[in-house]
Amino acid sequence: MELVGEYDKWTEEDFQRANAKRKELGITFDCTAGLKHGVSNPADREVLLAELRKALTIMERIECPSMILLSGDRIPDMSREGQHQSCIDTLKAAAAIVEGKTINGERVRLLLETIDPEENPKYYLTSIAEALEIVEMVNHPQVQLLYDFFHEQIANGNLIAKLKKSIPHLGLVHIADVPGRHEPGTGEINYQNIFRKLAELNYTGIAAMEFRPSGDPVAQLRAAREMALQAAREGMGNKASSA
C-alpha cells in the first residue's frame, strides 16, 4: 500500500491501530508522499528538507521506506535551467539526510515523480527524460526515478524506449491507463508489453496500481495483478530463449 500523508493528524492510538491492522493483514506500507514543497524552487529548499526530516520519523514508525518527491510548479521569473539545477541541488541535499538510513531492513529511498501538463498545467517536471537526467546528475543510490506510465503517456509517449534508459535508476512504477486513469487494458497503453519489458529488464521493484477502477475494485486489482504476473512470466521466457 502507498500513502499520501494520511498520517499527518494521526493520534498515538491511530498509529498503534494502523500498525496492528497492517501486520494482521500482511500489508506493508511501501511508499508515501505528501510533502508540501517541491525540489525545483530553491527558495523552498530548507523548508522541504525540514519536512523530510520530520517525515522520516513517521516513516520509521509505520515501517515505510520510500518517499515520493515532486518538483512543484514552474516559477515565472526563473529559467528552466535554473529550476533544473535546483532539482539536482535539492535532491543532493535530501540524499545527505537519508544517507545510509534503513527502515525495516530496507534502505530509505527518495523517488522523483513527473506529472503530466493536463493534470497540472503549472507543474515544472513533466518529462521522464528530464527526470532521469536529474537523477543521473544527483548520482546517489538512494535517489531514484518513479516512472508513472499514465503521466508520461499523456505528456510525451514513447514509453518503452524511455523505460529501457531508465532501468538503472528505476525505483518504482505507477500503473494506470489512458484515458480516464482506469485499470490496465481499458485504454491505449499496452501494459502487457510494458510488464513483459519490465521482466526482461530485470525490474524487481513494485508495480503500484494507481488506477481508478471502473468496476469492482478487488476484482480489478486481482485482474491487473494477474496480467502483470502472466506478462512477466512471458518476459522472463523471452529473455531465457534469447540468452
Protein backbone atom coordinates (compact mmCIF):
# COMPACT_ATOMS: atom_id res chain seq x y z
CA MET A 1 0.00 0.00 0.00
CA GLU A 2 1.10 3.57 -0.75
CA LEU A 3 0.19 6.56 1.40
CA VAL A 4 -0.21 10.27 0.72
CA GLY A 5 0.36 11.76 4.16
CA GLU A 6 -2.84 10.34 5.69
CA TYR A 7 -0.94 10.05 8.98
CA ASP A 8 -0.45 13.82 9.36
CA LYS A 9 -3.17 14.11 12.01
CA TRP A 10 -3.00 10.62 13.48
CA THR A 11 -3.02 10.26 17.24
CA GLU A 12 -0.84 7.77 19.07
CA GLU A 13 -3.83 5.41 19.09
CA ASP A 14 -4.20 5.82 15.32
CA PHE A 15 -0.58 4.79 14.76
CA GLN A 16 -0.97 1.76 17.01
CA ARG A 17 -4.21 0.73 15.31
CA ALA A 18 -2.79 1.14 11.78
CA ASN A 19 0.37 -0.80 12.57
CA ALA A 20 -1.58 -3.60 14.23
CA LYS A 21 -4.00 -3.88 11.32
CA ARG A 22 -1.36 -3.88 8.58
CA LYS A 23 0.54 -6.64 10.39
CA GLU A 24 -2.66 -8.61 10.87
CA LEU A 25 -3.44 -8.36 7.15
CA GLY A 26 0.14 -8.86 5.95
CA ILE A 27 0.23 -5.40 4.36
CA THR A 28 3.35 -3.27 4.01
CA PHE A 29 3.47 0.49 3.57
CA ASP A 30 5.79 0.57 0.58
CA CYS A 31 5.85 4.28 -0.16
CA THR A 32 4.44 7.63 0.90
CA ALA A 33 4.11 11.17 -0.44
CA GLY A 34 2.50 14.38 0.69
CA LEU A 35 5.38 16.79 1.34
CA LYS A 36 4.04 20.29 0.76
CA HIS A 37 7.04 21.70 -1.12
CA GLY A 38 8.87 20.69 -4.29
CA VAL A 39 12.50 20.32 -5.27
CA SER A 40 12.62 22.81 -8.17
CA ASN A 41 12.25 26.01 -6.14
CA PRO A 42 15.49 26.96 -4.35
CA ALA A 43 13.56 29.27 -2.03
CA ASP A 44 11.68 26.23 -0.68
CA ARG A 45 14.74 24.03 -0.19
CA GLU A 46 15.26 24.36 3.55
CA VAL A 47 11.55 24.04 4.28
CA LEU A 48 11.36 20.89 2.16
CA LEU A 49 14.37 19.37 3.90
CA ALA A 50 12.78 20.11 7.28
CA GLU A 51 9.59 18.40 6.07
CA LEU A 52 11.62 15.39 5.01
CA ARG A 53 13.38 15.12 8.37
CA LYS A 54 10.02 15.20 10.14
CA ALA A 55 8.51 12.67 7.73
CA LEU A 56 11.38 10.24 8.33
CA THR A 57 10.39 9.82 11.96
CA ILE A 58 6.86 8.90 10.88
CA MET A 59 8.13 6.60 8.13
CA GLU A 60 10.12 4.73 10.75
CA ARG A 61 7.02 4.35 12.94
CA ILE A 62 4.99 2.78 10.14
CA GLU A 63 7.96 0.95 8.56
CA CYS A 64 7.61 2.78 5.23
CA PRO A 65 10.99 3.03 3.44
CA SER A 66 10.28 5.31 0.45
CA MET A 67 9.22 8.93 -0.08
CA ILE A 68 7.94 10.41 -3.34
CA LEU A 69 9.27 13.88 -4.11
CA LEU A 70 7.68 16.28 -6.60
CA SER A 71 9.18 19.21 -8.46
CA GLY A 72 6.48 21.77 -7.70
CA ASP A 73 5.27 24.37 -10.19
CA ARG A 74 7.17 26.47 -12.70
CA ILE A 75 8.49 29.76 -11.34
CA PRO A 76 7.59 32.61 -13.73
CA ASP A 77 10.79 34.64 -13.26
CA MET A 78 13.17 31.66 -13.21
CA SER A 79 14.66 29.85 -16.21
CA ARG A 80 14.14 26.15 -16.83
CA GLU A 81 17.89 25.73 -16.46
CA GLY A 82 17.68 27.29 -13.02
CA GLN A 83 14.82 25.08 -11.90
CA HIS A 84 16.53 22.02 -13.38
CA GLN A 85 19.65 22.78 -11.34
CA SER A 86 17.55 23.39 -8.24
CA CYS A 87 16.09 19.90 -8.59
CA ILE A 88 19.61 18.48 -8.64
CA ASP A 89 20.87 20.56 -5.73
CA THR A 90 17.83 19.90 -3.54
CA LEU A 91 17.90 16.17 -4.19
CA LYS A 92 21.61 16.07 -3.33
CA ALA A 93 20.82 17.79 -0.02
CA ALA A 94 17.95 15.39 0.59
CA ALA A 95 20.20 12.44 -0.22
CA ALA A 96 22.59 13.59 2.50
CA ILE A 97 19.74 13.42 5.01
CA VAL A 98 18.85 9.80 4.16
CA GLU A 99 22.45 8.68 3.54
CA GLY A 100 22.84 5.15 4.92
CA LYS A 101 19.43 5.14 6.63
CA THR A 102 17.33 1.99 6.57
CA ILE A 103 13.76 1.27 7.64
CA ASN A 104 12.68 -2.28 8.41
CA GLY A 105 15.80 -3.61 6.71
CA GLU A 106 15.37 -1.59 3.51
CA ARG A 107 17.37 1.47 2.61
CA VAL A 108 15.40 4.71 2.56
CA ARG A 109 14.77 5.86 -1.00
CA LEU A 110 13.68 9.19 -2.46
CA LEU A 111 11.63 8.82 -5.66
CA LEU A 112 11.31 11.67 -8.15
CA GLU A 113 7.96 11.77 -9.97
CA THR A 114 6.74 13.64 -13.03
CA ILE A 115 3.17 14.92 -13.58
CA ASP A 116 1.56 15.45 -16.97
CA PRO A 117 0.63 19.01 -18.03
CA GLU A 118 -3.04 18.14 -18.48
CA GLU A 119 -3.38 17.26 -14.79
CA ASN A 120 -1.35 20.29 -13.68
CA PRO A 121 -0.60 22.91 -16.37
CA LYS A 122 1.69 24.79 -13.95
CA TYR A 123 3.85 21.83 -12.95
CA TYR A 124 7.57 22.03 -13.75
CA LEU A 125 8.74 18.44 -14.26
CA THR A 126 6.60 16.80 -16.94
CA SER A 127 9.16 14.62 -18.72
CA ILE A 128 10.68 11.28 -17.74
CA ALA A 129 13.69 12.15 -19.89
CA GLU A 130 14.42 15.25 -17.81
CA ALA A 131 13.67 13.46 -14.53
CA LEU A 132 16.14 10.72 -15.49
CA GLU A 133 18.77 13.33 -16.33
CA ILE A 134 18.27 14.91 -12.91
CA VAL A 135 18.55 11.58 -11.08
CA GLU A 136 21.69 10.72 -13.05
CA MET A 137 23.24 14.06 -12.07
CA VAL A 138 22.40 13.52 -8.40
CA ASN A 139 24.15 10.16 -8.70
CA HIS A 140 23.12 8.70 -5.36
CA PRO A 141 21.80 5.13 -4.92
CA GLN A 142 19.04 6.34 -2.58
CA VAL A 143 17.64 8.82 -5.12
CA GLN A 144 15.69 7.05 -7.83
CA LEU A 145 13.13 7.58 -10.57
CA LEU A 146 9.41 6.97 -10.26
CA TYR A 147 8.11 6.13 -13.73
CA ASP A 148 4.37 6.84 -13.92
CA PHE A 149 3.25 5.45 -17.26
CA PHE A 150 -0.09 7.29 -17.11
CA HIS A 151 1.54 10.72 -16.79
CA GLU A 152 4.26 10.00 -19.34
CA GLN A 153 1.84 8.68 -21.95
CA ILE A 154 -0.19 11.90 -21.76
CA ALA A 155 2.88 14.14 -21.69
CA ASN A 156 5.23 12.52 -24.17
CA GLY A 157 4.52 8.86 -25.10
CA ASN A 158 7.27 6.51 -26.34
CA LEU A 159 7.08 4.63 -23.04
CA ILE A 160 9.19 1.53 -23.59
CA ALA A 161 12.19 3.27 -25.16
CA LYS A 162 12.45 5.52 -22.11
CA LEU A 163 11.86 2.58 -19.78
CA LYS A 164 14.99 0.89 -21.17
CA LYS A 165 17.04 4.02 -20.48
CA SER A 166 15.55 4.44 -17.01
CA ILE A 167 16.08 0.93 -15.67
CA PRO A 168 19.44 1.56 -13.91
CA HIS A 169 17.78 4.25 -11.77
CA LEU A 170 14.22 2.93 -11.60
CA GLY A 171 12.78 2.70 -8.10
CA LEU A 172 9.03 2.39 -8.69
CA VAL A 173 6.43 2.26 -11.47
CA HIS A 174 2.85 3.55 -11.32
CA ILE A 175 0.18 1.82 -13.38
CA ALA A 176 -2.99 3.37 -14.85
CA ASP A 177 -4.39 3.52 -18.36
CA VAL A 178 -5.11 6.47 -20.63
CA PRO A 179 -7.66 7.98 -20.86
CA GLY A 180 -9.53 8.04 -17.55
CA ARG A 181 -6.81 6.62 -15.25
CA HIS A 182 -8.63 3.28 -15.17
CA GLU A 183 -7.24 -0.24 -14.84
CA PRO A 184 -4.71 -1.57 -17.40
CA GLY A 185 -6.41 -2.85 -20.52
CA THR A 186 -9.08 -0.15 -20.67
CA GLY A 187 -7.17 2.36 -22.78
CA GLU A 188 -4.32 3.00 -25.17
CA ILE A 189 -1.31 1.80 -23.15
CA ASN A 190 -0.18 -1.75 -23.98
CA TYR A 191 0.54 -2.83 -20.43
CA GLN A 192 1.16 -6.44 -21.38
CA ASN A 193 4.17 -5.29 -23.40
CA ILE A 194 5.28 -3.00 -20.58
CA PHE A 195 5.11 -5.77 -17.97
CA ARG A 196 7.00 -8.11 -20.31
CA LYS A 197 9.70 -5.50 -20.81
CA LEU A 198 9.99 -4.85 -17.07
CA ALA A 199 10.68 -8.57 -16.58
CA GLU A 200 13.16 -8.67 -19.46
CA LEU A 201 14.98 -5.71 -17.91
CA ASN A 202 15.16 -7.45 -14.50
CA TYR A 203 12.99 -4.89 -12.71
CA THR A 204 12.38 -6.33 -9.24
CA GLY A 205 10.52 -3.43 -7.64
CA ILE A 206 6.83 -2.87 -7.06
CA ALA A 207 4.27 -2.08 -9.76
CA ALA A 208 1.86 0.21 -7.91
CA MET A 209 -1.70 0.02 -9.22
CA GLU A 210 -2.64 3.70 -9.07
CA PHE A 211 -5.81 3.44 -11.15
CA ARG A 212 -9.44 4.35 -10.62
CA PRO A 213 -11.33 1.06 -11.01
CA SER A 214 -14.19 1.20 -13.48
CA GLY A 215 -15.92 -1.68 -11.70
CA ASP A 216 -15.41 -3.82 -8.61
CA PRO A 217 -12.08 -2.66 -7.12
CA VAL A 218 -10.99 -6.00 -5.67
CA ALA A 219 -11.78 -7.93 -8.85
CA GLN A 220 -9.95 -5.42 -10.99
CA LEU A 221 -6.90 -5.31 -8.73
CA ARG A 222 -6.73 -9.10 -8.96
CA ALA A 223 -7.08 -8.98 -12.75
CA ALA A 224 -4.36 -6.33 -13.02
CA ARG A 225 -2.06 -8.39 -10.82
CA GLU A 226 -2.66 -11.49 -12.94
CA MET A 227 -1.99 -9.52 -16.13
CA ALA A 228 1.31 -8.33 -14.68
CA LEU A 229 2.36 -11.78 -13.49
CA GLN A 230 1.45 -13.51 -16.76
CA ALA A 231 3.23 -10.90 -18.87
CA ALA A 232 6.26 -11.05 -16.57
CA ARG A 233 6.43 -14.82 -17.00
CA GLU A 234 6.36 -14.30 -20.76
CA GLY A 235 9.06 -11.68 -20.47
CA MET A 236 11.31 -14.00 -18.49
CA GLY A 237 10.67 -16.72 -21.07
CA ASN A 238 11.63 -14.37 -23.89
CA LYS A 239 14.80 -13.46 -22.03
CA ALA A 240 15.72 -17.09 -21.43
CA SER A 241 15.12 -18.08 -25.08
CA SER A 242 17.28 -15.23 -26.35
CA ALA A 243 20.15 -15.94 -23.95
